C-alpha cells in the first residue's frame, strides 16, 4: 500500500513526541482506543504525518496499514499539514454547477499547490469540501473562519491578497 507523504518535511518536536508517547502509554493495552489516540495525536501535531502514524502503530501494537486505513477513512483526520490560512473550496453540487471547480483550479495555480497540500512557507493550504451549508451563496470558499460567497475565478487574486499572498 503506497502511503501519501506530505511534500513538507516532518517537524515534530521532542515535547510533542513526549505528549504522544504519554497518551499511547495510557491506552496501549486496548486497541479499541486507537481512534482516540489518533485524535489526540492530531490535536498535538495538527495532522497525522506518516512518522506519527508509525509511532501510533508501534505503540498501540497495530499495523501502520491499520492506522493509515482509519486516518484515510474518516474525514476528521488530515495526512497533510494545514497552513496558517486554510482555504477550503466547496465542491458540493450547488457550488460546483456555479463554478467552484474553476475557483479551486485558480487557487491551485496561484498558490502552486494541489488539493490537501500546503505551500512551502506554511502560509496556505488548500482543501476541497462537499458542502458547508451556504448553498444560497454559491459558489463558496472559506479561509479559516472567513466565508466568501458568490465568487468567480477572477475574485481569487483579491482574496489571496487580503492574506498577504
N, C-alpha and C. Protein backbone atom coordinates (compact mmCIF):
# COMPACT_ATOMS: atom_id res chain seq x y z
N UNK A 1 0.85 -1.17 0.00
CA UNK A 1 0.00 0.00 0.00
C UNK A 1 0.90 1.24 0.00
N UNK A 2 0.72 2.09 -1.00
CA UNK A 2 1.52 3.31 -1.12
C UNK A 2 0.88 4.41 -0.27
N UNK A 3 1.60 4.89 0.71
CA UNK A 3 1.08 5.94 1.58
C UNK A 3 1.55 7.29 1.08
N UNK A 4 0.63 8.25 1.06
CA UNK A 4 0.97 9.59 0.61
C UNK A 4 1.68 10.34 1.73
N UNK A 5 2.86 10.81 1.43
CA UNK A 5 3.60 11.61 2.39
C UNK A 5 3.49 13.07 2.00
N UNK A 6 3.49 13.93 2.98
CA UNK A 6 3.45 15.36 2.73
C UNK A 6 4.75 15.76 2.02
N UNK A 7 4.64 16.78 1.17
CA UNK A 7 5.84 17.28 0.49
C UNK A 7 6.69 18.13 1.44
N UNK A 8 6.13 18.51 2.58
CA UNK A 8 6.88 19.28 3.57
C UNK A 8 7.54 18.32 4.56
N UNK A 9 8.75 18.63 4.99
CA UNK A 9 9.41 17.74 5.95
C UNK A 9 8.69 17.76 7.30
N UNK A 10 8.70 16.61 7.97
CA UNK A 10 8.10 16.49 9.29
C UNK A 10 8.92 17.30 10.29
N UNK A 11 8.25 18.11 11.10
CA UNK A 11 8.95 18.98 12.05
C UNK A 11 8.43 18.79 13.46
N UNK A 12 8.28 17.55 13.87
CA UNK A 12 7.82 17.28 15.24
C UNK A 12 8.89 17.64 16.25
N UNK A 13 8.45 18.08 17.42
CA UNK A 13 9.38 18.46 18.48
C UNK A 13 9.46 17.34 19.52
N UNK A 14 10.52 17.33 20.32
CA UNK A 14 10.60 16.34 21.40
C UNK A 14 9.43 16.46 22.38
N UNK A 15 8.94 17.68 22.60
CA UNK A 15 7.81 17.89 23.50
C UNK A 15 6.55 17.24 22.95
N UNK A 16 6.33 17.39 21.64
CA UNK A 16 5.17 16.76 21.02
C UNK A 16 5.26 15.24 21.11
N UNK A 17 6.45 14.72 20.85
CA UNK A 17 6.64 13.27 20.91
C UNK A 17 6.40 12.75 22.33
N UNK A 18 6.86 13.47 23.32
CA UNK A 18 6.65 13.06 24.71
C UNK A 18 5.15 13.03 25.05
N UNK A 19 4.41 14.04 24.59
CA UNK A 19 2.96 14.07 24.83
C UNK A 19 2.29 12.86 24.17
N UNK A 20 2.68 12.59 22.92
CA UNK A 20 2.07 11.47 22.21
C UNK A 20 2.41 10.15 22.90
N UNK A 21 3.64 9.97 23.30
CA UNK A 21 4.04 8.72 23.96
C UNK A 21 3.27 8.53 25.27
N UNK A 22 3.02 9.60 25.99
CA UNK A 22 2.24 9.50 27.23
C UNK A 22 0.81 9.05 26.94
N UNK A 23 0.23 9.57 25.89
CA UNK A 23 -1.13 9.17 25.51
C UNK A 23 -1.15 7.71 25.08
N UNK A 24 -0.17 7.33 24.27
CA UNK A 24 -0.09 5.94 23.83
C UNK A 24 0.09 5.01 25.02
N UNK A 25 0.99 5.36 25.93
CA UNK A 25 1.23 4.52 27.11
C UNK A 25 -0.04 4.32 27.93
N UNK A 26 -0.85 5.36 27.99
CA UNK A 26 -2.10 5.28 28.76
C UNK A 26 -3.10 4.30 28.13
N UNK A 27 -3.04 4.14 26.80
CA UNK A 27 -4.06 3.36 26.10
C UNK A 27 -3.52 2.15 25.34
N UNK A 28 -2.23 1.86 25.44
CA UNK A 28 -1.62 0.84 24.59
C UNK A 28 -2.13 -0.59 24.83
N UNK A 29 -2.77 -0.82 25.95
CA UNK A 29 -3.22 -2.17 26.25
C UNK A 29 -4.61 -2.47 25.70
N UNK A 30 -5.21 -1.50 25.03
CA UNK A 30 -6.55 -1.71 24.49
C UNK A 30 -6.63 -1.05 23.11
N UNK A 31 -6.56 -1.87 22.06
CA UNK A 31 -6.57 -1.35 20.69
C UNK A 31 -7.86 -0.62 20.33
N UNK A 32 -8.90 -0.79 21.13
CA UNK A 32 -10.15 -0.07 20.84
C UNK A 32 -9.99 1.44 21.05
N UNK A 33 -8.89 1.85 21.67
CA UNK A 33 -8.62 3.28 21.87
C UNK A 33 -7.82 3.89 20.71
N UNK A 34 -7.61 3.13 19.64
CA UNK A 34 -6.81 3.61 18.52
C UNK A 34 -7.29 4.97 18.01
N UNK A 35 -8.58 5.07 17.75
CA UNK A 35 -9.11 6.32 17.20
C UNK A 35 -8.92 7.48 18.17
N UNK A 36 -9.12 7.25 19.44
CA UNK A 36 -8.91 8.30 20.45
C UNK A 36 -7.45 8.75 20.45
N UNK A 37 -6.53 7.81 20.36
CA UNK A 37 -5.11 8.14 20.32
C UNK A 37 -4.80 8.96 19.07
N UNK A 38 -5.39 8.55 17.94
CA UNK A 38 -5.17 9.28 16.69
C UNK A 38 -5.72 10.70 16.77
N UNK A 39 -6.89 10.86 17.38
CA UNK A 39 -7.47 12.19 17.53
C UNK A 39 -6.57 13.08 18.39
N UNK A 40 -6.07 12.52 19.47
CA UNK A 40 -5.19 13.31 20.34
C UNK A 40 -3.86 13.61 19.66
N UNK A 41 -3.38 12.67 18.85
CA UNK A 41 -2.14 12.91 18.09
C UNK A 41 -2.35 14.05 17.11
N UNK A 42 -3.50 14.08 16.45
CA UNK A 42 -3.78 15.17 15.52
C UNK A 42 -3.91 16.49 16.26
N UNK A 43 -4.47 16.48 17.45
CA UNK A 43 -4.52 17.71 18.26
C UNK A 43 -3.11 18.21 18.57
N UNK A 44 -2.19 17.30 18.82
CA UNK A 44 -0.80 17.67 19.16
C UNK A 44 -0.06 18.21 17.94
N UNK A 45 -0.16 17.51 16.82
CA UNK A 45 0.64 17.86 15.63
C UNK A 45 -0.11 18.71 14.60
N UNK A 46 -1.44 18.72 14.69
CA UNK A 46 -2.23 19.45 13.70
C UNK A 46 -2.61 18.60 12.50
N UNK A 47 -1.97 17.45 12.36
CA UNK A 47 -2.25 16.50 11.29
C UNK A 47 -1.58 15.18 11.67
N UNK A 48 -1.72 14.15 10.82
CA UNK A 48 -1.14 12.85 11.13
C UNK A 48 -0.10 12.46 10.06
N UNK A 49 1.09 13.02 10.19
CA UNK A 49 2.13 12.64 9.22
C UNK A 49 2.50 11.17 9.37
N UNK A 50 3.13 10.62 8.35
CA UNK A 50 3.50 9.21 8.34
C UNK A 50 4.31 8.84 9.59
N UNK A 51 5.22 9.72 10.00
CA UNK A 51 6.06 9.43 11.16
C UNK A 51 5.23 9.26 12.43
N UNK A 52 4.17 10.04 12.57
CA UNK A 52 3.28 9.93 13.73
C UNK A 52 2.45 8.65 13.63
N UNK A 53 2.01 8.33 12.43
CA UNK A 53 1.27 7.08 12.23
C UNK A 53 2.13 5.89 12.64
N UNK A 54 3.42 5.93 12.31
CA UNK A 54 4.32 4.85 12.70
C UNK A 54 4.45 4.75 14.22
N UNK A 55 4.58 5.91 14.89
CA UNK A 55 4.68 5.90 16.36
C UNK A 55 3.42 5.30 16.99
N UNK A 56 2.26 5.69 16.46
CA UNK A 56 0.99 5.18 16.98
C UNK A 56 0.90 3.68 16.77
N UNK A 57 1.21 3.23 15.56
CA UNK A 57 1.12 1.80 15.24
C UNK A 57 2.02 0.99 16.16
N UNK A 58 3.26 1.41 16.29
CA UNK A 58 4.21 0.68 17.13
C UNK A 58 3.75 0.67 18.58
N UNK A 59 3.34 1.83 19.07
CA UNK A 59 2.94 1.93 20.48
C UNK A 59 1.66 1.20 20.81
N UNK A 60 0.72 1.16 19.85
CA UNK A 60 -0.58 0.51 20.09
C UNK A 60 -0.57 -0.96 19.68
N UNK A 61 0.52 -1.42 19.08
CA UNK A 61 0.60 -2.82 18.69
C UNK A 61 -0.30 -3.17 17.51
N UNK A 62 -0.48 -2.22 16.60
CA UNK A 62 -1.26 -2.47 15.38
C UNK A 62 -0.39 -2.14 14.18
N UNK A 63 -0.83 -2.53 13.01
CA UNK A 63 -0.04 -2.26 11.81
C UNK A 63 -0.18 -0.80 11.39
N UNK A 64 0.82 -0.32 10.68
CA UNK A 64 0.75 1.03 10.12
C UNK A 64 -0.41 1.11 9.13
N UNK A 65 -0.65 0.01 8.43
CA UNK A 65 -1.77 -0.03 7.47
C UNK A 65 -3.11 0.19 8.18
N UNK A 66 -3.25 -0.35 9.37
CA UNK A 66 -4.49 -0.15 10.15
C UNK A 66 -4.64 1.33 10.51
N UNK A 67 -3.58 1.95 11.00
CA UNK A 67 -3.63 3.37 11.36
C UNK A 67 -3.94 4.20 10.11
N UNK A 68 -3.24 3.92 9.02
CA UNK A 68 -3.46 4.64 7.77
C UNK A 68 -4.89 4.46 7.28
N UNK A 69 -5.41 3.24 7.38
CA UNK A 69 -6.78 2.96 6.96
C UNK A 69 -7.79 3.78 7.74
N UNK A 70 -7.60 3.88 9.05
CA UNK A 70 -8.50 4.70 9.87
C UNK A 70 -8.35 6.18 9.49
N UNK A 71 -7.10 6.62 9.32
CA UNK A 71 -6.84 8.03 9.01
C UNK A 71 -7.44 8.44 7.67
N UNK A 72 -7.45 7.53 6.70
CA UNK A 72 -7.99 7.89 5.39
C UNK A 72 -9.49 7.63 5.27
N UNK A 73 -10.05 6.83 6.16
CA UNK A 73 -11.49 6.55 6.12
C UNK A 73 -12.30 7.71 6.71
N UNK A 74 -11.81 8.27 7.80
CA UNK A 74 -12.57 9.31 8.50
C UNK A 74 -12.10 10.70 8.07
N UNK A 75 -13.06 11.53 7.66
CA UNK A 75 -12.75 12.88 7.16
C UNK A 75 -12.13 13.78 8.21
N UNK A 76 -12.29 13.46 9.49
CA UNK A 76 -11.75 14.31 10.55
C UNK A 76 -10.22 14.32 10.59
N UNK A 77 -9.61 13.30 9.97
CA UNK A 77 -8.15 13.20 10.01
C UNK A 77 -7.53 13.82 8.76
N UNK A 78 -6.38 14.44 8.95
CA UNK A 78 -5.64 15.03 7.84
C UNK A 78 -4.24 14.43 7.81
N UNK A 79 -3.79 14.05 6.62
CA UNK A 79 -2.46 13.49 6.45
C UNK A 79 -1.44 14.55 6.04
N UNK A 80 -1.92 15.76 5.84
CA UNK A 80 -1.01 16.83 5.45
C UNK A 80 -1.21 18.03 6.37
N UNK A 81 -0.16 18.82 6.54
CA UNK A 81 -0.26 19.97 7.44
C UNK A 81 -1.20 21.03 6.88
N UNK A 82 -1.79 21.77 7.76
CA UNK A 82 -2.63 22.90 7.37
C UNK A 82 -1.80 24.16 7.47
N UNK A 83 -2.02 25.06 6.54
CA UNK A 83 -1.30 26.32 6.55
C UNK A 83 -1.88 27.27 7.59
N UNK A 84 -1.17 28.37 7.78
CA UNK A 84 -1.68 29.43 8.65
C UNK A 84 -3.07 29.85 8.16
N UNK A 85 -3.25 29.85 6.84
CA UNK A 85 -4.54 30.16 6.23
C UNK A 85 -4.98 28.93 5.45
N UNK A 86 -5.98 28.22 5.99
CA UNK A 86 -6.50 27.04 5.33
C UNK A 86 -7.68 27.46 4.45
N UNK A 87 -7.51 27.28 3.17
CA UNK A 87 -8.56 27.64 2.21
C UNK A 87 -9.31 26.37 1.84
N UNK A 88 -10.62 26.40 2.01
CA UNK A 88 -11.46 25.26 1.68
C UNK A 88 -12.50 25.71 0.67
N UNK A 89 -12.54 25.05 -0.47
CA UNK A 89 -13.48 25.39 -1.53
C UNK A 89 -14.58 24.34 -1.54
N UNK A 90 -15.82 24.81 -1.50
CA UNK A 90 -16.95 23.89 -1.55
C UNK A 90 -17.10 23.37 -2.97
N UNK A 91 -17.11 22.04 -3.11
CA UNK A 91 -17.34 21.41 -4.40
C UNK A 91 -18.65 20.63 -4.41
N UNK A 92 -19.54 21.01 -3.48
CA UNK A 92 -20.88 20.42 -3.47
C UNK A 92 -21.63 20.82 -4.73
N UNK A 93 -22.75 20.18 -4.97
CA UNK A 93 -23.48 20.36 -6.23
C UNK A 93 -23.79 21.81 -6.54
N UNK A 94 -24.40 22.54 -5.61
CA UNK A 94 -24.80 23.93 -5.88
C UNK A 94 -23.58 24.79 -6.22
N UNK A 95 -22.51 24.62 -5.47
CA UNK A 95 -21.30 25.41 -5.73
C UNK A 95 -20.62 24.98 -7.02
N UNK A 96 -20.57 23.67 -7.25
CA UNK A 96 -19.86 23.17 -8.42
C UNK A 96 -20.52 23.64 -9.72
N UNK A 97 -21.86 23.57 -9.79
CA UNK A 97 -22.53 23.99 -11.02
C UNK A 97 -22.39 25.49 -11.26
N UNK A 98 -22.05 26.24 -10.21
CA UNK A 98 -21.85 27.69 -10.36
C UNK A 98 -20.38 28.07 -10.48
N UNK A 99 -19.49 27.08 -10.65
CA UNK A 99 -18.11 27.40 -10.98
C UNK A 99 -17.06 27.20 -9.91
N UNK A 100 -17.36 26.48 -8.83
CA UNK A 100 -16.35 26.32 -7.78
C UNK A 100 -15.14 25.50 -8.25
N UNK A 101 -15.34 24.64 -9.23
CA UNK A 101 -14.21 23.89 -9.77
C UNK A 101 -13.17 24.82 -10.39
N UNK A 102 -13.64 25.84 -11.10
CA UNK A 102 -12.74 26.83 -11.70
C UNK A 102 -12.02 27.64 -10.62
N UNK A 103 -12.75 27.95 -9.55
CA UNK A 103 -12.16 28.70 -8.44
C UNK A 103 -11.07 27.86 -7.78
N UNK A 104 -11.36 26.59 -7.55
CA UNK A 104 -10.37 25.69 -6.95
C UNK A 104 -9.13 25.62 -7.83
N UNK A 105 -9.32 25.45 -9.13
CA UNK A 105 -8.20 25.37 -10.06
C UNK A 105 -7.37 26.65 -10.07
N UNK A 106 -8.03 27.79 -9.99
CA UNK A 106 -7.32 29.08 -9.98
C UNK A 106 -6.49 29.21 -8.70
N UNK A 107 -7.06 28.82 -7.56
CA UNK A 107 -6.32 28.84 -6.30
C UNK A 107 -5.10 27.92 -6.37
N UNK A 108 -5.31 26.73 -6.91
CA UNK A 108 -4.22 25.77 -7.04
C UNK A 108 -3.10 26.34 -7.91
N UNK A 109 -3.48 26.96 -8.99
CA UNK A 109 -2.50 27.57 -9.90
C UNK A 109 -1.74 28.71 -9.22
N UNK A 110 -2.46 29.61 -8.55
CA UNK A 110 -1.82 30.77 -7.94
C UNK A 110 -0.97 30.41 -6.73
N UNK A 111 -1.39 29.41 -5.97
CA UNK A 111 -0.62 29.01 -4.79
C UNK A 111 0.47 27.99 -5.12
N UNK A 112 0.35 27.35 -6.26
CA UNK A 112 1.34 26.35 -6.66
C UNK A 112 1.23 25.05 -5.87
N UNK A 113 0.01 24.75 -5.39
CA UNK A 113 -0.22 23.51 -4.64
C UNK A 113 -1.51 22.86 -5.13
N UNK A 114 -1.64 21.59 -4.83
CA UNK A 114 -2.86 20.86 -5.17
C UNK A 114 -3.73 20.65 -3.94
N UNK A 115 -4.72 19.81 -4.11
CA UNK A 115 -5.64 19.50 -3.02
C UNK A 115 -4.89 18.85 -1.87
N UNK A 116 -5.22 19.26 -0.67
CA UNK A 116 -4.64 18.72 0.56
C UNK A 116 -3.14 18.93 0.64
N UNK A 117 -2.68 20.03 0.08
CA UNK A 117 -1.27 20.39 0.16
C UNK A 117 -1.13 21.74 0.85
N UNK A 118 0.11 22.02 1.24
CA UNK A 118 0.44 23.25 1.95
C UNK A 118 1.61 23.90 1.22
N UNK A 119 1.59 25.24 1.14
CA UNK A 119 2.70 25.93 0.50
C UNK A 119 3.97 25.71 1.30
N UNK A 120 5.10 25.80 0.63
CA UNK A 120 6.40 25.52 1.27
C UNK A 120 6.66 26.41 2.48
N UNK A 121 6.11 27.63 2.46
CA UNK A 121 6.32 28.54 3.58
C UNK A 121 5.33 28.31 4.73
N UNK A 122 4.40 27.37 4.54
CA UNK A 122 3.43 27.04 5.59
C UNK A 122 2.32 28.05 5.76
N UNK A 123 2.21 29.00 4.84
CA UNK A 123 1.18 30.04 5.00
C UNK A 123 -0.21 29.60 4.51
N UNK A 124 -0.26 28.85 3.42
CA UNK A 124 -1.56 28.49 2.83
C UNK A 124 -1.67 26.99 2.62
N UNK A 125 -2.86 26.46 2.87
CA UNK A 125 -3.18 25.10 2.50
C UNK A 125 -4.50 25.15 1.74
N UNK A 126 -4.72 24.14 0.91
CA UNK A 126 -5.89 24.12 0.04
C UNK A 126 -6.60 22.78 0.17
N UNK A 127 -7.88 22.85 0.49
CA UNK A 127 -8.68 21.64 0.59
C UNK A 127 -9.99 21.86 -0.15
N UNK A 128 -10.66 20.76 -0.44
CA UNK A 128 -11.99 20.79 -1.03
C UNK A 128 -12.94 20.18 -0.02
N UNK A 129 -14.14 20.70 0.03
CA UNK A 129 -15.16 20.08 0.89
C UNK A 129 -16.41 19.86 0.06
N UNK A 130 -17.32 19.09 0.58
CA UNK A 130 -18.53 18.75 -0.18
C UNK A 130 -19.68 19.72 0.04
N UNK A 131 -19.82 20.29 1.20
CA UNK A 131 -20.89 21.26 1.42
C UNK A 131 -20.64 21.95 2.76
N UNK A 132 -20.76 23.27 2.76
CA UNK A 132 -20.63 23.99 4.04
C UNK A 132 -21.96 24.58 4.48
N UNK A 133 -23.03 24.28 3.73
CA UNK A 133 -24.36 24.72 4.12
C UNK A 133 -24.67 26.16 3.78
N UNK A 134 -23.98 26.71 2.79
CA UNK A 134 -24.24 28.09 2.36
C UNK A 134 -24.58 28.10 0.88
N UNK A 135 -25.45 27.18 0.49
CA UNK A 135 -25.76 26.99 -0.93
C UNK A 135 -26.34 28.25 -1.58
N UNK A 136 -27.01 29.07 -0.80
CA UNK A 136 -27.57 30.32 -1.32
C UNK A 136 -26.50 31.32 -1.73
N UNK A 137 -25.27 31.11 -1.26
CA UNK A 137 -24.15 32.00 -1.60
C UNK A 137 -23.23 31.38 -2.63
N UNK A 138 -23.63 30.27 -3.22
CA UNK A 138 -22.76 29.51 -4.13
C UNK A 138 -22.23 30.37 -5.28
N UNK A 139 -20.98 30.10 -5.65
CA UNK A 139 -20.00 29.21 -5.05
C UNK A 139 -19.31 29.86 -3.85
N UNK A 140 -18.91 29.02 -2.90
CA UNK A 140 -18.39 29.49 -1.62
C UNK A 140 -17.02 28.89 -1.34
N UNK A 141 -16.18 29.69 -0.66
CA UNK A 141 -14.94 29.19 -0.10
C UNK A 141 -14.75 29.81 1.26
N UNK A 142 -13.95 29.15 2.08
CA UNK A 142 -13.62 29.71 3.39
C UNK A 142 -12.10 29.84 3.49
N UNK A 143 -11.68 30.84 4.21
CA UNK A 143 -10.28 30.99 4.61
C UNK A 143 -10.33 31.04 6.12
N UNK A 144 -9.91 29.95 6.75
CA UNK A 144 -10.10 29.74 8.18
C UNK A 144 -11.59 29.93 8.49
N UNK A 145 -11.95 30.94 9.25
CA UNK A 145 -13.36 31.15 9.61
C UNK A 145 -14.06 32.16 8.71
N UNK A 146 -13.34 32.80 7.80
CA UNK A 146 -13.93 33.80 6.91
C UNK A 146 -14.61 33.11 5.73
N UNK A 147 -15.86 33.52 5.43
CA UNK A 147 -16.64 32.92 4.35
C UNK A 147 -16.76 33.92 3.21
N UNK A 148 -16.51 33.43 1.99
CA UNK A 148 -16.64 34.25 0.78
C UNK A 148 -17.61 33.55 -0.15
N UNK A 149 -18.62 34.29 -0.62
CA UNK A 149 -19.63 33.70 -1.49
C UNK A 149 -19.87 34.49 -2.75
N UNK A 150 -20.65 33.86 -3.64
CA UNK A 150 -20.98 34.42 -4.95
C UNK A 150 -19.72 34.82 -5.71
N UNK A 151 -18.80 33.87 -5.78
CA UNK A 151 -17.47 34.12 -6.33
C UNK A 151 -17.34 33.71 -7.79
N UNK A 152 -16.30 34.25 -8.41
CA UNK A 152 -15.83 33.77 -9.71
C UNK A 152 -14.32 33.56 -9.56
N UNK A 153 -13.73 32.90 -10.54
CA UNK A 153 -12.28 32.68 -10.51
C UNK A 153 -11.53 34.01 -10.49
N UNK A 154 -12.13 35.06 -11.03
CA UNK A 154 -11.49 36.38 -11.04
C UNK A 154 -11.36 36.99 -9.65
N UNK A 155 -12.12 36.49 -8.67
CA UNK A 155 -12.06 37.01 -7.30
C UNK A 155 -10.88 36.43 -6.50
N UNK A 156 -10.26 35.38 -7.00
CA UNK A 156 -9.24 34.66 -6.24
C UNK A 156 -8.06 35.55 -5.87
N UNK A 157 -7.53 36.32 -6.81
CA UNK A 157 -6.35 37.15 -6.54
C UNK A 157 -6.63 38.15 -5.42
N UNK A 158 -7.79 38.77 -5.42
CA UNK A 158 -8.13 39.76 -4.39
C UNK A 158 -8.27 39.09 -3.02
N UNK A 159 -8.86 37.90 -2.98
CA UNK A 159 -8.99 37.19 -1.71
C UNK A 159 -7.62 36.82 -1.17
N UNK A 160 -6.77 36.27 -2.01
CA UNK A 160 -5.43 35.90 -1.56
C UNK A 160 -4.64 37.12 -1.09
N UNK A 161 -4.82 38.25 -1.74
CA UNK A 161 -4.11 39.48 -1.37
C UNK A 161 -4.46 39.91 0.06
N UNK A 162 -5.69 39.65 0.50
CA UNK A 162 -6.08 40.01 1.87
C UNK A 162 -5.27 39.26 2.91
N UNK A 163 -4.70 38.12 2.51
CA UNK A 163 -3.92 37.30 3.44
C UNK A 163 -2.43 37.31 3.13
N UNK A 164 -2.03 38.29 2.36
CA UNK A 164 -0.61 38.51 2.12
C UNK A 164 0.02 37.67 1.02
N UNK A 165 -0.80 37.12 0.13
CA UNK A 165 -0.23 36.33 -0.98
C UNK A 165 0.00 37.21 -2.19
